[in-house]
Amino acid sequence: ASSRTRAVARRLLLWLGAFIAILAGMAASGGEARQYIVAIGAICCSALFVLVPWDAARLQVLLKMSRAERAVGPSAEEKDNSARS
């Protein structure tokens, strides 16, 4: 997999981890601050509901491009770079 694919996959895992951490923090909160913690957590979760599908779609496109490149073979630029080294 290319470095872009790995970067998007790592970022997707980061978003999912943040979502789980936010939910756990909201569930563990208590006392007078609970309503504020839940409100801020809900705002953060709404942002994650946009970021997770966005990066998931990007990852799918990058994986399809990667499969297509492997099916076609190396590009002229890659052949040139391997010939130089």
PDB file of N, CA and C in Angstrom:
ATOM      1  N   ALA A   1       0.846  -1.188   0.000  1.00  0.00           N
ATOM      2  CA  ALA A   1       0.000   0.000   0.000  1.00  0.00           C
ATOM      3  C   ALA A   1       0.884   1.241   0.000  1.00  0.00           C
ATOM      4  N   SER A   2       0.387   2.269  -0.615  1.00  0.00           N
ATOM      5  CA  SER A   2       1.177   3.494  -0.711  1.00  0.00           C
ATOM      6  C   SER A   2       1.165   4.241   0.619  1.00  0.00           C
ATOM      7  N   SER A   3       2.031   5.220   0.708  1.00  0.00           N
ATOM      8  CA  SER A   3       2.110   6.003   1.942  1.00  0.00           C
ATOM      9  C   SER A   3       0.831   6.821   2.155  1.00  0.00           C
ATOM     10  N   ARG A   4       0.206   7.269   1.051  1.00  0.00           N
ATOM     11  CA  ARG A   4      -1.062   8.001   1.192  1.00  0.00           C
ATOM     12  C   ARG A   4      -2.150   7.100   1.754  1.00  0.00           C
ATOM     13  N   THR A   5      -2.197   5.865   1.287  1.00  0.00           N
ATOM     14  CA  THR A   5      -3.204   4.914   1.777  1.00  0.00           C
ATOM     15  C   THR A   5      -2.999   4.654   3.260  1.00  0.00           C
ATOM     16  N   ARG A   6      -1.750   4.448   3.658  1.00  0.00           N
ATOM     17  CA  ARG A   6      -1.469   4.203   5.080  1.00  0.00           C
ATOM     18  C   ARG A   6      -1.810   5.424   5.925  1.00  0.00           C
ATOM     19  N   ALA A   7      -1.534   6.620   5.409  1.00  0.00           N
ATOM     20  CA  ALA A   7      -1.835   7.841   6.162  1.00  0.00           C
ATOM     21  C   ALA A   7      -3.340   8.002   6.365  1.00  0.00           C
ATOM     22  N   VAL A   8      -4.117   7.736   5.337  1.00  0.00           N
ATOM     23  CA  VAL A   8      -5.569   7.851   5.458  1.00  0.00           C
ATOM     24  C   VAL A   8      -6.102   6.778   6.401  1.00  0.00           C
ATOM     25  N   ALA A   9      -5.561   5.576   6.319  1.00  0.00           N
ATOM     26  CA  ALA A   9      -6.000   4.500   7.218  1.00  0.00           C
ATOM     27  C   ALA A   9      -5.677   4.838   8.675  1.00  0.00           C
ATOM     28  N   ARG A  10      -4.492   5.395   8.919  1.00  0.00           N
ATOM     29  CA  ARG A  10      -4.138   5.801  10.284  1.00  0.00           C
ATOM     30  C   ARG A  10      -5.053   6.901  10.791  1.00  0.00           C
ATOM     31  N   ARG A  11      -5.354   7.863   9.928  1.00  0.00           N
ATOM     32  CA  ARG A  11      -6.229   8.957  10.328  1.00  0.00           C
ATOM     33  C   ARG A  11      -7.644   8.444  10.606  1.00  0.00           C
ATOM     34  N   LEU A  12      -8.104   7.481   9.823  1.00  0.00           N
ATOM     35  CA  LEU A  12      -9.416   6.887  10.054  1.00  0.00           C
ATOM     36  C   LEU A  12      -9.449   6.178  11.403  1.00  0.00           C
ATOM     37  N   LEU A  13      -8.394   5.460  11.724  1.00  0.00           N
ATOM     38  CA  LEU A  13      -8.311   4.812  13.040  1.00  0.00           C
ATOM     39  C   LEU A  13      -8.254   5.842  14.160  1.00  0.00           C
ATOM     40  N   LEU A  14      -7.574   6.947  13.922  1.00  0.00           N
ATOM     41  CA  LEU A  14      -7.521   8.026  14.912  1.00  0.00           C
ATOM     42  C   LEU A  14      -8.912   8.583  15.178  1.00  0.00           C
ATOM     43  N   TRP A  15      -9.685   8.837  14.106  1.00  0.00           N
ATOM     44  CA  TRP A  15     -11.048   9.359  14.289  1.00  0.00           C
ATOM     45  C   TRP A  15     -11.916   8.376  15.059  1.00  0.00           C
ATOM     46  N   LEU A  16     -11.800   7.088  14.716  1.00  0.00           N
ATOM     47  CA  LEU A  16     -12.605   6.090  15.426  1.00  0.00           C
ATOM     48  C   LEU A  16     -12.195   5.986  16.893  1.00  0.00           C
ATOM     49  N   GLY A  17     -10.901   6.057  17.168  1.00  0.00           N
ATOM     50  CA  GLY A  17     -10.426   6.053  18.549  1.00  0.00           C
ATOM     51  C   GLY A  17     -10.903   7.270  19.320  1.00  0.00           C
ATOM     52  N   ALA A  18     -10.882   8.427  18.669  1.00  0.00           N
ATOM     53  CA  ALA A  18     -11.367   9.651  19.321  1.00  0.00           C
ATOM     54  C   ALA A  18     -12.858   9.550  19.620  1.00  0.00           C
ATOM     55  N   PHE A  19     -13.609   8.964  18.704  1.00  0.00           N
ATOM     56  CA  PHE A  19     -15.046   8.794  18.911  1.00  0.00           C
ATOM     57  C   PHE A  19     -15.321   7.909  20.125  1.00  0.00           C
ATOM     58  N   ILE A  20     -14.590   6.807  20.225  1.00  0.00           N
ATOM     59  CA  ILE A  20     -14.760   5.900  21.377  1.00  0.00           C
ATOM     60  C   ILE A  20     -14.359   6.596  22.665  1.00  0.00           C
ATOM     61  N   ALA A  21     -13.260   7.359  22.631  1.00  0.00           N
ATOM     62  CA  ALA A  21     -12.809   8.074  23.828  1.00  0.00           C
ATOM     63  C   ALA A  21     -13.824   9.137  24.259  1.00  0.00           C
ATOM     64  N   ILE A  22     -14.415   9.827  23.297  1.00  0.00           N
ATOM     65  CA  ILE A  22     -15.419  10.842  23.627  1.00  0.00           C
ATOM     66  C   ILE A  22     -16.643  10.196  24.259  1.00  0.00           C
ATOM     67  N   LEU A  23     -17.105   9.098  23.673  1.00  0.00           N
ATOM     68  CA  LEU A  23     -18.262   8.407  24.238  1.00  0.00           C
ATOM     69  C   LEU A  23     -17.968   7.909  25.653  1.00  0.00           C
ATOM     70  N   ALA A  24     -16.766   7.367  25.857  1.00  0.00           N
ATOM     71  CA  ALA A  24     -16.397   6.889  27.193  1.00  0.00           C
ATOM     72  C   ALA A  24     -16.328   8.047  28.180  1.00  0.00           C
ATOM     73  N   GLY A  25     -15.773   9.174  27.757  1.00  0.00           N
ATOM     74  CA  GLY A  25     -15.703  10.349  28.623  1.00  0.00           C
ATOM     75  C   GLY A  25     -17.073  10.887  28.976  1.00  0.00           C
ATOM     76  N   MET A  26     -17.977  10.867  27.999  1.00  0.00           N
ATOM     77  CA  MET A  26     -19.338  11.330  28.262  1.00  0.00           C
ATOM     78  C   MET A  26     -20.041  10.397  29.247  1.00  0.00           C
ATOM     79  N   ALA A  27     -19.826   9.098  29.101  1.00  0.00           N
ATOM     80  CA  ALA A  27     -20.474   8.128  29.985  1.00  0.00           C
ATOM     81  C   ALA A  27     -19.897   8.204  31.399  1.00  0.00           C
ATOM     82  N   ALA A  28     -18.608   8.513  31.510  1.00  0.00           N
ATOM     83  CA  ALA A  28     -17.958   8.528  32.821  1.00  0.00           C
ATOM     84  C   ALA A  28     -18.135   9.853  33.554  1.00  0.00           C
ATOM     85  N   SER A  29     -18.614  10.866  32.853  1.00  0.00           N
ATOM     86  CA  SER A  29     -18.743  12.175  33.498  1.00  0.00           C
ATOM     87  C   SER A  29     -19.864  12.152  34.534  1.00  0.00           C
ATOM     88  N   GLY A  30     -19.732  13.020  35.489  1.00  0.00           N
ATOM     89  CA  GLY A  30     -20.744  13.094  36.532  1.00  0.00           C
ATOM     90  C   GLY A  30     -20.741  14.469  37.181  1.00  0.00           C
ATOM     91  N   GLY A  31     -21.659  14.665  38.053  1.00  0.00           N
ATOM     92  CA  GLY A  31     -21.715  15.927  38.790  1.00  0.00           C
ATOM     93  C   GLY A  31     -22.306  17.051  37.973  1.00  0.00           C
ATOM     94  N   GLU A  32     -21.992  18.266  38.409  1.00  0.00           N
ATOM     95  CA  GLU A  32     -22.553  19.453  37.764  1.00  0.00           C
ATOM     96  C   GLU A  32     -22.026  19.663  36.350  1.00  0.00           C
ATOM     97  N   ALA A  33     -20.830  19.209  36.070  1.00  0.00           N
ATOM     98  CA  ALA A  33     -20.220  19.451  34.762  1.00  0.00           C
ATOM     99  C   ALA A  33     -20.719  18.476  33.699  1.00  0.00           C
ATOM    100  N   ARG A  34     -21.511  17.485  34.078  1.00  0.00           N
ATOM    101  CA  ARG A  34     -21.938  16.461  33.127  1.00  0.00           C
ATOM    102  C   ARG A  34     -22.638  17.048  31.907  1.00  0.00           C
ATOM    103  N   GLN A  35     -23.529  18.002  32.115  1.00  0.00           N
ATOM    104  CA  GLN A  35     -24.270  18.553  30.976  1.00  0.00           C
ATOM    105  C   GLN A  35     -23.341  19.268  30.000  1.00  0.00           C
ATOM    106  N   TYR A  36     -22.301  19.920  30.506  1.00  0.00           N
ATOM    107  CA  TYR A  36     -21.352  20.610  29.634  1.00  0.00           C
ATOM    108  C   TYR A  36     -20.462  19.614  28.897  1.00  0.00           C
ATOM    109  N   ILE A  37     -20.042  18.583  29.601  1.00  0.00           N
ATOM    110  CA  ILE A  37     -19.203  17.550  28.984  1.00  0.00           C
ATOM    111  C   ILE A  37     -19.975  16.835  27.883  1.00  0.00           C
ATOM    112  N   VAL A  38     -21.224  16.507  28.146  1.00  0.00           N
ATOM    113  CA  VAL A  38     -22.042  15.837  27.138  1.00  0.00           C
ATOM    114  C   VAL A  38     -22.294  16.752  25.946  1.00  0.00           C
ATOM    115  N   ALA A  39     -22.537  18.034  26.188  1.00  0.00           N
ATOM    116  CA  ALA A  39     -22.761  18.974  25.087  1.00  0.00           C
ATOM    117  C   ALA A  39     -21.518  19.118  24.209  1.00  0.00           C
ATOM    118  N   ILE A  40     -20.362  19.281  24.832  1.00  0.00           N
ATOM    119  CA  ILE A  40     -19.113  19.404  24.065  1.00  0.00           C
ATOM    120  C   ILE A  40     -18.803  18.092  23.351  1.00  0.00           C
ATOM    121  N   GLY A  41     -19.041  16.975  24.035  1.00  0.00           N
ATOM    122  CA  GLY A  41     -18.832  15.666  23.404  1.00  0.00           C
ATOM    123  C   GLY A  41     -19.730  15.470  22.198  1.00  0.00           C
ATOM    124  N   ALA A  42     -20.985  15.918  22.290  1.00  0.00           N
ATOM    125  CA  ALA A  42     -21.905  15.793  21.160  1.00  0.00           C
ATOM    126  C   ALA A  42     -21.454  16.644  19.981  1.00  0.00           C
ATOM    127  N   ILE A  43     -20.933  17.824  20.255  1.00  0.00           N
ATOM    128  CA  ILE A  43     -20.418  18.682  19.175  1.00  0.00           C
ATOM    129  C   ILE A  43     -19.225  18.013  18.499  1.00  0.00           C
ATOM    130  N   CYS A  44     -18.328  17.449  19.292  1.00  0.00           N
ATOM    131  CA  CYS A  44     -17.159  16.758  18.736  1.00  0.00           C
ATOM    132  C   CYS A  44     -17.584  15.527  17.932  1.00  0.00           C
ATOM    133  N   CYS A  45     -18.570  14.801  18.439  1.00  0.00           N
ATOM    134  CA  CYS A  45     -19.056  13.621  17.718  1.00  0.00           C
ATOM    135  C   CYS A  45     -19.691  14.011  16.388  1.00  0.00           C
ATOM    136  N   SER A  46     -20.364  15.150  16.341  1.00  0.00           N
ATOM    137  CA  SER A  46     -20.960  15.584  15.074  1.00  0.00           C
ATOM    138  C   SER A  46     -19.877  15.849  14.027  1.00  0.00           C
ATOM    139  N   ALA A  47     -18.743  16.392  14.455  1.00  0.00           N
ATOM    140  CA  ALA A  47     -17.623  16.587  13.522  1.00  0.00           C
ATOM    141  C   ALA A  47     -17.065  15.248  13.064  1.00  0.00           C
ATOM    142  N   LEU A  48     -16.981  14.293  13.981  1.00  0.00           N
ATOM    143  CA  LEU A  48     -16.471  12.970  13.619  1.00  0.00           C
ATOM    144  C   LEU A  48     -17.421  12.238  12.676  1.00  0.00           C
ATOM    145  N   PHE A  49     -18.709  12.513  12.775  1.00  0.00           N
ATOM    146  CA  PHE A  49     -19.664  11.881  11.864  1.00  0.00           C
ATOM    147  C   PHE A  49     -19.451  12.354  10.426  1.00  0.00           C
ATOM    148  N   VAL A  50     -18.784  13.473  10.243  1.00  0.00           N
ATOM    149  CA  VAL A  50     -18.419  13.938   8.903  1.00  0.00           C
ATOM    150  C   VAL A  50     -17.049  13.396   8.517  1.00  0.00           C
ATOM    151  N   LEU A  51     -16.106  13.433   9.445  1.00  0.00           N
ATOM    152  CA  LEU A  51     -14.722  13.042   9.130  1.00  0.00           C
ATOM    153  C   LEU A  51     -14.568  11.551   8.857  1.00  0.00           C
ATOM    154  N   VAL A  52     -15.258  10.711   9.596  1.00  0.00           N
ATOM    155  CA  VAL A  52     -15.097   9.262   9.426  1.00  0.00           C
ATOM    156  C   VAL A  52     -15.554   8.816   8.034  1.00  0.00           C
ATOM    157  N   PRO A  53     -16.771   9.147   7.592  1.00  0.00           N
ATOM    158  CA  PRO A  53     -17.152   8.723   6.233  1.00  0.00           C
ATOM    159  C   PRO A  53     -16.283   9.355   5.144  1.00  0.00           C
ATOM    160  N   TRP A  54     -15.841  10.588   5.367  1.00  0.00           N
ATOM    161  CA  TRP A  54     -14.986  11.264   4.383  1.00  0.00           C
ATOM    162  C   TRP A  54     -13.679  10.483   4.190  1.00  0.00           C
ATOM    163  N   ASP A  55     -13.011  10.140   5.286  1.00  0.00           N
ATOM    164  CA  ASP A  55     -11.763   9.397   5.172  1.00  0.00           C
ATOM    165  C   ASP A  55     -12.005   7.960   4.727  1.00  0.00           C
ATOM    166  N   ALA A  56     -13.131   7.369   5.084  1.00  0.00           N
ATOM    167  CA  ALA A  56     -13.447   6.016   4.615  1.00  0.00           C
ATOM    168  C   ALA A  56     -13.615   6.013   3.097  1.00  0.00           C
ATOM    169  N   ALA A  57     -14.280   7.029   2.565  1.00  0.00           N
ATOM    170  CA  ALA A  57     -14.439   7.128   1.115  1.00  0.00           C
ATOM    171  C   ALA A  57     -13.089   7.363   0.440  1.00  0.00           C
ATOM    172  N   ARG A  58     -12.261   8.212   1.036  1.00  0.00           N
ATOM    173  CA  ARG A  58     -10.916   8.444   0.476  1.00  0.00           C
ATOM    174  C   ARG A  58     -10.098   7.162   0.471  1.00  0.00           C
ATOM    175  N   LEU A  59     -10.201   6.377   1.548  1.00  0.00           N
ATOM    176  CA  LEU A  59      -9.457   5.122   1.628  1.00  0.00           C
ATOM    177  C   LEU A  59      -9.932   4.146   0.551  1.00  0.00           C
ATOM    178  N   GLN A  60     -11.233   4.061   0.328  1.00  0.00           N
ATOM    179  CA  GLN A  60     -11.756   3.179  -0.717  1.00  0.00           C
ATOM    180  C   GLN A  60     -11.231   3.592  -2.091  1.00  0.00           C
ATOM    181  N   VAL A  61     -11.228   4.875  -2.378  1.00  0.00           N
ATOM    182  CA  VAL A  61     -10.734   5.353  -3.669  1.00  0.00           C
ATOM    183  C   VAL A  61      -9.250   5.046  -3.822  1.00  0.00           C
ATOM    184  N   LEU A  62      -8.470   5.288  -2.773  1.00  0.00           N
ATOM    185  CA  LEU A  62      -7.033   5.006  -2.856  1.00  0.00           C
ATOM    186  C   LEU A  62      -6.761   3.519  -3.037  1.00  0.00           C
ATOM    187  N   LEU A  63      -7.533   2.674  -2.377  1.00  0.00           N
ATOM    188  CA  LEU A  63      -7.347   1.231  -2.546  1.00  0.00           C
ATOM    189  C   LEU A  63      -7.716   0.789  -3.957  1.00  0.00           C
ATOM    190  N   LYS A  64      -8.782   1.343  -4.530  1.00  0.00           N
ATOM    191  CA  LYS A  64      -9.150   1.016  -5.912  1.00  0.00           C
ATOM    192  C   LYS A  64      -8.080   1.480  -6.880  1.00  0.00           C
ATOM    193  N   MET A  65      -7.526   2.685  -6.638  1.00  0.00           N
ATOM    194  CA  MET A  65      -6.453   3.183  -7.497  1.00  0.00           C
ATOM    195  C   MET A  65      -5.230   2.295  -7.393  1.00  0.00           C
ATOM    196  N   SER A  66      -4.929   1.841  -6.188  1.00  0.00           N
ATOM    197  CA  SER A  66      -3.773   0.982  -5.977  1.00  0.00           C
ATOM    198  C   SER A  66      -3.943  -0.336  -6.722  1.00  0.00           C
ATOM    199  N   ARG A  67      -5.150  -0.923  -6.645  1.00  0.00           N
ATOM    200  CA  ARG A  67      -5.411  -2.181  -7.366  1.00  0.00           C
ATOM    201  C   ARG A  67      -5.320  -1.969  -8.870  1.00  0.00           C
ATOM    202  N   ALA A  68      -5.830  -0.854  -9.354  1.00  0.00           N
ATOM    203  CA  ALA A  68      -5.785  -0.571 -10.791  1.00  0.00           C
ATOM    204  C   ALA A  68      -4.343  -0.387 -11.262  1.00  0.00           C
ATOM    205  N   GLU A  69      -3.517   0.272 -10.455  1.00  0.00           N
ATOM    206  CA  GLU A  69      -2.109   0.470 -10.823  1.00  0.00           C
ATOM    207  C   GLU A  69      -1.377  -0.864 -10.874  1.00  0.00           C
ATOM    208  N   ARG A  70      -1.685  -1.756  -9.932  1.00  0.00           N
ATOM    209  CA  ARG A  70      -1.038  -3.070  -9.945  1.00  0.00           C
ATOM    210  C   ARG A  70      -1.474  -3.880 -11.150  1.00  0.00           C
ATOM    211  N   ALA A  71      -2.732  -3.741 -11.566  1.00  0.00           N
ATOM    212  CA  ALA A  71      -3.232  -4.490 -12.717  1.00  0.00           C
ATOM    213  C   ALA A  71      -2.599  -4.001 -14.011  1.00  0.00           C
ATOM    214  N   VAL A  72      -2.361  -2.692 -14.104  1.00  0.00           N
ATOM    215  CA  VAL A  72      -1.793  -2.107 -15.322  1.00  0.00           C
ATOM    216  C   VAL A  72      -0.288  -2.319 -15.373  1.00  0.00           C
ATOM    217  N   GLY A  73       0.360  -2.269 -14.226  1.00  0.00           N
ATOM    218  CA  GLY A  73       1.807  -2.393 -14.174  1.00  0.00           C
ATOM    219  C   GLY A  73       2.446  -1.074 -13.814  1.00  0.00           C
ATOM    220  N   PRO A  74       3.757  -1.056 -13.728  1.00  0.00           N
ATOM    221  CA  PRO A  74       4.444   0.178 -13.326  1.00  0.00           C
ATOM    222  C   PRO A  74       4.314   1.254 -14.398  1.00  0.00           C
ATOM    223  N   SER A  75       4.259   2.489 -13.948  1.00  0.00           N
ATOM    224  CA  SER A  75       4.166   3.617 -14.870  1.00  0.00           C
ATOM    225  C   SER A  75       5.526   3.884 -15.503  1.00  0.00           C
ATOM    226  N   ALA A  76       5.528   4.713 -16.516  1.00  0.00           N
ATOM    227  CA  ALA A  76       6.783   5.059 -17.193  1.00  0.00           C
ATOM    228  C   ALA A  76       7.740   5.739 -16.223  1.00  0.00           C
ATOM    229  N   GLU A  77       7.203   6.563 -15.339  1.00  0.00           N
ATOM    230  CA  GLU A  77       8.044   7.243 -14.354  1.00  0.00           C
ATOM    231  C   GLU A  77       8.689   6.246 -13.396  1.00  0.00           C
ATOM    232  N   GLU A  78       7.919   5.255 -12.954  1.00  0.00           N
ATOM    233  CA  GLU A  78       8.479   4.247 -12.051  1.00  0.00           C
ATOM    234  C   GLU A  78       9.545   3.419 -12.758  1.00  0.00           C
ATOM    235  N   LYS A  79       9.325   3.089 -14.029  1.00  0.00           N
ATOM    236  CA  LYS A  79      10.335   2.349 -14.801  1.00  0.00           C
ATOM    237  C   LYS A  79      11.615   3.167 -14.917  1.00  0.00           C
ATOM    238  N   ASP A  80      11.454   4.467 -15.180  1.00  0.00           N
ATOM    239  CA  ASP A  80      12.608   5.360 -15.314  1.00  0.00           C
ATOM    240  C   ASP A  80      13.375   5.447 -13.993  1.00  0.00           C
ATOM    241  N   ASN A  81      12.639   5.565 -12.882  1.00  0.00           N
ATOM    242  CA  ASN A  81      13.292   5.643 -11.574  1.00  0.00           C
ATOM    243  C   ASN A  81      14.022   4.352 -11.225  1.00  0.00           C
ATOM    244  N   SER A  82      13.457   3.191 -11.569  1.00  0.00           N
ATOM    245  CA  SER A  82      14.123   1.935 -11.258  1.00  0.00           C
ATOM    246  C   SER A  82      15.334   1.711 -12.168  1.00  0.00           C
ATOM    247  N   ALA A  83      15.284   2.234 -13.380  1.00  0.00           N
ATOM    248  CA  ALA A  83      16.426   2.114 -14.292  1.00  0.00           C
ATOM    249  C   ALA A  83      17.588   2.963 -13.808  1.00  0.00           C
ATOM    250  N   ARG A  84      17.315   4.093 -13.181  1.00  0.00           N
ATOM    251  CA  ARG A  84      18.374   4.983 -12.689  1.00  0.00           C
ATOM    252  C   ARG A  84      19.074   4.418 -11.471  1.00  0.00           C
ATOM    253  N   SER A  85      18.345   3.630 -10.663  1.00  0.00           N
ATOM    254  CA  SER A  85      18.967   3.123  -9.424  1.00  0.00           C
ATOM    255  C   SER A  85      19.629   1.795  -9.620  1.00  0.00           C
TER     256      SER A  85
END
